[in-house]
Structure formats: C-alpha cells, structure tokens
C-alpha cells in the first residue's frame, strides 16, 4: 500500500493553490495448483483526488485484476 499527499501553496496567487492525494494498494495471492503449476493472482487499485482552482477538481479510480500461471521450477 502507498499513500501520497501533495499540497501546493503560492503566496502571490492563492487562486492557483492545489491539494492532491493518491492511494495505491495491491492484494496478491499465490497458490500451488498442482505438482507442476503455480498460479499467482490478485487485485490492484489506484485512487486519486485533486482539489484545485487552476486545474479544476477531479478524482479517479482504477481497478485491475491479474493472474499468472507458471511451471514449478523447484522440481526440475
């Protein structure tokens, strides 16, 4: 998991001030499917929010799933 926060303040022009936060997390699971195959799978998520008069306010959410099959190399 990763959290990032940024705060920009301009003393001469407060209308251009902005605040931003970003959160990334990932859940991963490994499982031995059989004596010859392993599987790794999981989910990842990235959320961001920006509050700014200059860039306008916006937010985003990205979700993704993943899977990987691979031969068990420990028996070779």
C-alpha atoms as a PDB file:
ATOM      1  CA  UNK A   1       0.000   0.000   0.000  1.00  0.00           C
ATOM      2  CA  UNK A   2       1.229   3.505  -0.787  1.00  0.00           C
ATOM      3  CA  UNK A   3      -0.264   6.881   0.187  1.00  0.00           C
ATOM      4  CA  UNK A   4       0.935  10.180  -1.283  1.00  0.00           C
ATOM      5  CA  UNK A   5      -0.222  13.692  -0.469  1.00  0.00           C
ATOM      6  CA  UNK A   6       0.868  16.947  -2.116  1.00  0.00           C
ATOM      7  CA  UNK A   7      -0.040  20.484  -1.130  1.00  0.00           C
ATOM      8  CA  UNK A   8       0.956  23.452  -3.305  1.00  0.00           C
ATOM      9  CA  UNK A   9       0.644  26.958  -1.913  1.00  0.00           C
ATOM     10  CA  UNK A  10       1.533  30.090  -3.882  1.00  0.00           C
ATOM     11  CA  UNK A  11       1.787  33.203  -1.681  1.00  0.00           C
ATOM     12  CA  UNK A  12       1.349  35.665  -4.574  1.00  0.00           C
ATOM     13  CA  UNK A  13      -1.663  33.949  -6.185  1.00  0.00           C
ATOM     14  CA  UNK A  14      -3.864  31.887  -3.870  1.00  0.00           C
ATOM     15  CA  UNK A  15      -6.211  31.007  -6.751  1.00  0.00           C
ATOM     16  CA  UNK A  16      -3.531  28.611  -8.048  1.00  0.00           C
ATOM     17  CA  UNK A  17      -3.240  26.625  -4.786  1.00  0.00           C
ATOM     18  CA  UNK A  18      -3.925  22.888  -5.023  1.00  0.00           C
ATOM     19  CA  UNK A  19      -4.191  19.745  -2.888  1.00  0.00           C
ATOM     20  CA  UNK A  20      -3.792  16.200  -4.167  1.00  0.00           C
ATOM     21  CA  UNK A  21      -3.914  12.717  -2.615  1.00  0.00           C
ATOM     22  CA  UNK A  22      -3.190   9.347  -4.170  1.00  0.00           C
ATOM     23  CA  UNK A  23      -3.688   5.857  -2.728  1.00  0.00           C
ATOM     24  CA  UNK A  24      -2.364   2.663  -4.330  1.00  0.00           C
ATOM     25  CA  UNK A  25      -2.941  -0.816  -2.911  1.00  0.00           C
ATOM     26  CA  UNK A  26      -2.446  -4.352  -4.150  1.00  0.00           C
ATOM     27  CA  UNK A  27      -3.576  -7.731  -2.869  1.00  0.00           C
ATOM     28  CA  UNK A  28      -1.698 -10.769  -4.157  1.00  0.00           C
ATOM     29  CA  UNK A  29      -2.300 -14.491  -3.638  1.00  0.00           C
ATOM     30  CA  UNK A  30      -0.048 -17.406  -4.585  1.00  0.00           C
ATOM     31  CA  UNK A  31      -1.338 -20.985  -4.815  1.00  0.00           C
ATOM     32  CA  UNK A  32       0.240 -24.274  -5.904  1.00  0.00           C
ATOM     33  CA  UNK A  33      -2.284 -25.539  -8.466  1.00  0.00           C
ATOM     34  CA  UNK A  34      -0.649 -28.957  -8.934  1.00  0.00           C
ATOM     35  CA  UNK A  35       2.772 -30.582  -8.672  1.00  0.00           C
ATOM     36  CA  UNK A  36       3.806 -28.831 -11.886  1.00  0.00           C
ATOM     37  CA  UNK A  37       1.949 -25.487 -11.937  1.00  0.00           C
ATOM     38  CA  UNK A  38       1.715 -22.466  -9.640  1.00  0.00           C
ATOM     39  CA  UNK A  39      -0.744 -19.605 -10.008  1.00  0.00           C
ATOM     40  CA  UNK A  40      -0.354 -16.029  -8.794  1.00  0.00           C
ATOM     41  CA  UNK A  41      -3.321 -13.660  -8.912  1.00  0.00           C
ATOM     42  CA  UNK A  42      -4.678 -10.561  -7.310  1.00  0.00           C
ATOM     43  CA  UNK A  43      -6.216  -7.117  -7.479  1.00  0.00           C
ATOM     44  CA  UNK A  44      -4.734  -3.640  -7.629  1.00  0.00           C
ATOM     45  CA  UNK A  45      -6.387  -0.279  -7.009  1.00  0.00           C
ATOM     46  CA  UNK A  46      -5.300   3.313  -7.576  1.00  0.00           C
ATOM     47  CA  UNK A  47      -7.384   6.258  -6.311  1.00  0.00           C
ATOM     48  CA  UNK A  48      -6.566   9.941  -6.749  1.00  0.00           C
ATOM     49  CA  UNK A  49      -8.246  13.236  -5.900  1.00  0.00           C
ATOM     50  CA  UNK A  50      -7.152  16.748  -6.870  1.00  0.00           C
ATOM     51  CA  UNK A  51      -8.703  19.936  -5.480  1.00  0.00           C
ATOM     52  CA  UNK A  52      -7.510  22.937  -7.461  1.00  0.00           C
ATOM     53  CA  UNK A  53      -8.911  26.166  -8.866  1.00  0.00           C
ATOM     54  CA  UNK A  54      -6.220  26.157 -11.563  1.00  0.00           C
ATOM     55  CA  UNK A  55      -6.572  22.513 -12.722  1.00  0.00           C
ATOM     56  CA  UNK A  56     -10.228  22.112 -11.632  1.00  0.00           C
ATOM     57  CA  UNK A  57     -11.327  19.490  -9.100  1.00  0.00           C
ATOM     58  CA  UNK A  58     -11.218  15.882 -10.264  1.00  0.00           C
ATOM     59  CA  UNK A  59     -10.828  12.353  -8.990  1.00  0.00           C
ATOM     60  CA  UNK A  60     -10.112   8.945 -10.463  1.00  0.00           C
ATOM     61  CA  UNK A  61     -10.369   5.270  -9.570  1.00  0.00           C
ATOM     62  CA  UNK A  62      -8.605   2.456 -11.430  1.00  0.00           C
ATOM     63  CA  UNK A  63      -9.165  -1.214 -10.588  1.00  0.00           C
ATOM     64  CA  UNK A  64      -7.415  -4.189 -12.187  1.00  0.00           C
ATOM     65  CA  UNK A  65      -7.226  -7.932 -11.730  1.00  0.00           C
ATOM     66  CA  UNK A  66      -4.302 -10.086 -12.767  1.00  0.00           C
ATOM     67  CA  UNK A  67      -3.315 -13.759 -12.969  1.00  0.00           C
ATOM     68  CA  UNK A  68      -0.120 -15.577 -13.884  1.00  0.00           C
ATOM     69  CA  UNK A  69       0.414 -19.298 -14.426  1.00  0.00           C
ATOM     70  CA  UNK A  70       3.937 -20.679 -14.280  1.00  0.00           C
ATOM     71  CA  UNK A  71       5.616 -24.080 -14.103  1.00  0.00           C
ATOM     72  CA  UNK A  72       7.004 -25.144 -10.723  1.00  0.00           C
ATOM     73  CA  UNK A  73      10.753 -24.887 -11.268  1.00  0.00           C
ATOM     74  CA  UNK A  74      11.661 -26.355  -7.863  1.00  0.00           C
ATOM     75  CA  UNK A  75      11.078 -29.923  -9.148  1.00  0.00           C
ATOM     76  CA  UNK A  76      13.411 -29.509 -12.141  1.00  0.00           C
END
